[in-house]
Amino acid sequence: MSSASPNHEWMSEDEAAAFVGKTIRTLRQWRQKREGPPYAFFGRTVRYHRGALVEFYKSNQIINPVRKRRT
């Protein structure tokens, strides 16, 4: 059995913002625009799942970007 509590998997807006290096305002703007990492409501409280944040950033990484040549 895992020693991590399920509550440690869910983060508040403050914790999530610090985890991803963004502001709470940015997270709220992303939710309003329906972009950004997935989230859940527990009553009126917004929570972010730690694993979902990691997967969101992994799925958006750019590997070997094509560079345009200057002419």
C-alpha atoms as a PDB file:
ATOM      1  CA  MET A   1       0.000   0.000   0.000  1.00  0.00           C
ATOM      2  CA  SER A   2       1.277   3.464  -0.858  1.00  0.00           C
ATOM      3  CA  SER A   3       2.306   5.707   2.008  1.00  0.00           C
ATOM      4  CA  ALA A   4       1.045   8.811   0.169  1.00  0.00           C
ATOM      5  CA  SER A   5      -2.386   9.969   1.172  1.00  0.00           C
ATOM      6  CA  PRO A   6      -4.883  10.594  -1.648  1.00  0.00           C
ATOM      7  CA  ASN A   7      -5.173  14.157  -0.323  1.00  0.00           C
ATOM      8  CA  HIS A   8      -1.527  14.761  -1.250  1.00  0.00           C
ATOM      9  CA  GLU A   9      -2.360  14.006  -4.874  1.00  0.00           C
ATOM     10  CA  TRP A  10      -4.825  16.921  -5.058  1.00  0.00           C
ATOM     11  CA  MET A  11      -3.467  20.460  -4.775  1.00  0.00           C
ATOM     12  CA  SER A  12      -5.113  23.790  -4.077  1.00  0.00           C
ATOM     13  CA  GLU A  13      -4.803  26.672  -6.544  1.00  0.00           C
ATOM     14  CA  ASP A  14      -1.907  28.078  -4.487  1.00  0.00           C
ATOM     15  CA  GLU A  15      -0.048  24.777  -4.473  1.00  0.00           C
ATOM     16  CA  ALA A  16      -0.701  24.113  -8.170  1.00  0.00           C
ATOM     17  CA  ALA A  17       0.422  27.603  -9.192  1.00  0.00           C
ATOM     18  CA  ALA A  18       3.665  27.201  -7.239  1.00  0.00           C
ATOM     19  CA  PHE A  19       4.154  23.684  -8.645  1.00  0.00           C
ATOM     20  CA  VAL A  20       3.950  24.874 -12.278  1.00  0.00           C
ATOM     21  CA  GLY A  21       5.574  28.274 -11.737  1.00  0.00           C
ATOM     22  CA  LYS A  22       2.517  30.323 -12.705  1.00  0.00           C
ATOM     23  CA  THR A  23       0.259  32.706 -10.824  1.00  0.00           C
ATOM     24  CA  ILE A  24      -3.193  31.866  -9.513  1.00  0.00           C
ATOM     25  CA  ARG A  25      -4.498  34.492 -11.907  1.00  0.00           C
ATOM     26  CA  THR A  26      -3.015  32.569 -14.848  1.00  0.00           C
ATOM     27  CA  LEU A  27      -4.647  29.319 -13.707  1.00  0.00           C
ATOM     28  CA  ARG A  28      -7.993  31.099 -13.415  1.00  0.00           C
ATOM     29  CA  GLN A  29      -7.628  32.634 -16.863  1.00  0.00           C
ATOM     30  CA  TRP A  30      -6.846  29.212 -18.311  1.00  0.00           C
ATOM     31  CA  ARG A  31      -9.968  27.759 -16.685  1.00  0.00           C
ATOM     32  CA  GLN A  32     -12.096  30.616 -18.010  1.00  0.00           C
ATOM     33  CA  LYS A  33     -10.741  30.028 -21.540  1.00  0.00           C
ATOM     34  CA  ARG A  34     -11.027  26.241 -21.121  1.00  0.00           C
ATOM     35  CA  GLU A  35      -7.326  25.716 -21.725  1.00  0.00           C
ATOM     36  CA  GLY A  36      -4.516  24.658 -19.463  1.00  0.00           C
ATOM     37  CA  PRO A  37      -4.292  21.629 -17.178  1.00  0.00           C
ATOM     38  CA  PRO A  38      -7.357  19.655 -16.079  1.00  0.00           C
ATOM     39  CA  TYR A  39      -8.939  20.467 -12.728  1.00  0.00           C
ATOM     40  CA  ALA A  40     -11.800  19.326 -10.534  1.00  0.00           C
ATOM     41  CA  PHE A  41     -14.294  20.950  -8.207  1.00  0.00           C
ATOM     42  CA  PHE A  42     -14.790  19.622  -4.708  1.00  0.00           C
ATOM     43  CA  GLY A  43     -17.837  21.639  -3.767  1.00  0.00           C
ATOM     44  CA  ARG A  44     -16.755  25.171  -4.671  1.00  0.00           C
ATOM     45  CA  THR A  45     -13.089  24.420  -4.181  1.00  0.00           C
ATOM     46  CA  VAL A  46     -10.891  23.981  -7.256  1.00  0.00           C
ATOM     47  CA  ARG A  47      -8.251  21.267  -7.056  1.00  0.00           C
ATOM     48  CA  TYR A  48      -5.533  20.131  -9.436  1.00  0.00           C
ATOM     49  CA  HIS A  49      -4.281  16.556  -9.516  1.00  0.00           C
ATOM     50  CA  ARG A  50      -0.498  16.401  -9.290  1.00  0.00           C
ATOM     51  CA  GLY A  51      -0.200  13.663 -11.927  1.00  0.00           C
ATOM     52  CA  ALA A  52      -2.513  15.517 -14.326  1.00  0.00           C
ATOM     53  CA  LEU A  53      -0.342  18.635 -14.094  1.00  0.00           C
ATOM     54  CA  VAL A  54       2.762  16.625 -14.934  1.00  0.00           C
ATOM     55  CA  GLU A  55       1.011  14.895 -17.852  1.00  0.00           C
ATOM     56  CA  PHE A  56      -0.339  18.210 -19.167  1.00  0.00           C
ATOM     57  CA  TYR A  57       3.148  19.676 -19.356  1.00  0.00           C
ATOM     58  CA  LYS A  58       4.602  16.484 -20.837  1.00  0.00           C
ATOM     59  CA  SER A  59       1.952  16.436 -23.562  1.00  0.00           C
ATOM     60  CA  ASN A  60       2.693  20.059 -24.474  1.00  0.00           C
ATOM     61  CA  GLN A  61       6.458  19.867 -24.707  1.00  0.00           C
ATOM     62  CA  ILE A  62       8.030  20.526 -28.076  1.00  0.00           C
ATOM     63  CA  ILE A  63      10.774  18.160 -29.084  1.00  0.00           C
ATOM     64  CA  ASN A  64      13.194  19.188 -31.836  1.00  0.00           C
ATOM     65  CA  PRO A  65      11.436  22.343 -32.992  1.00  0.00           C
ATOM     66  CA  VAL A  66      11.869  23.310 -36.624  1.00  0.00           C
ATOM     67  CA  ARG A  67      13.915  26.459 -36.879  1.00  0.00           C
ATOM     68  CA  LYS A  68      13.351  28.901 -39.669  1.00  0.00           C
ATOM     69  CA  ARG A  69      16.447  30.023 -41.477  1.00  0.00           C
ATOM     70  CA  ARG A  70      17.084  33.701 -41.724  1.00  0.00           C
ATOM     71  CA  THR A  71      17.537  34.969 -45.239  1.00  0.00           C
END
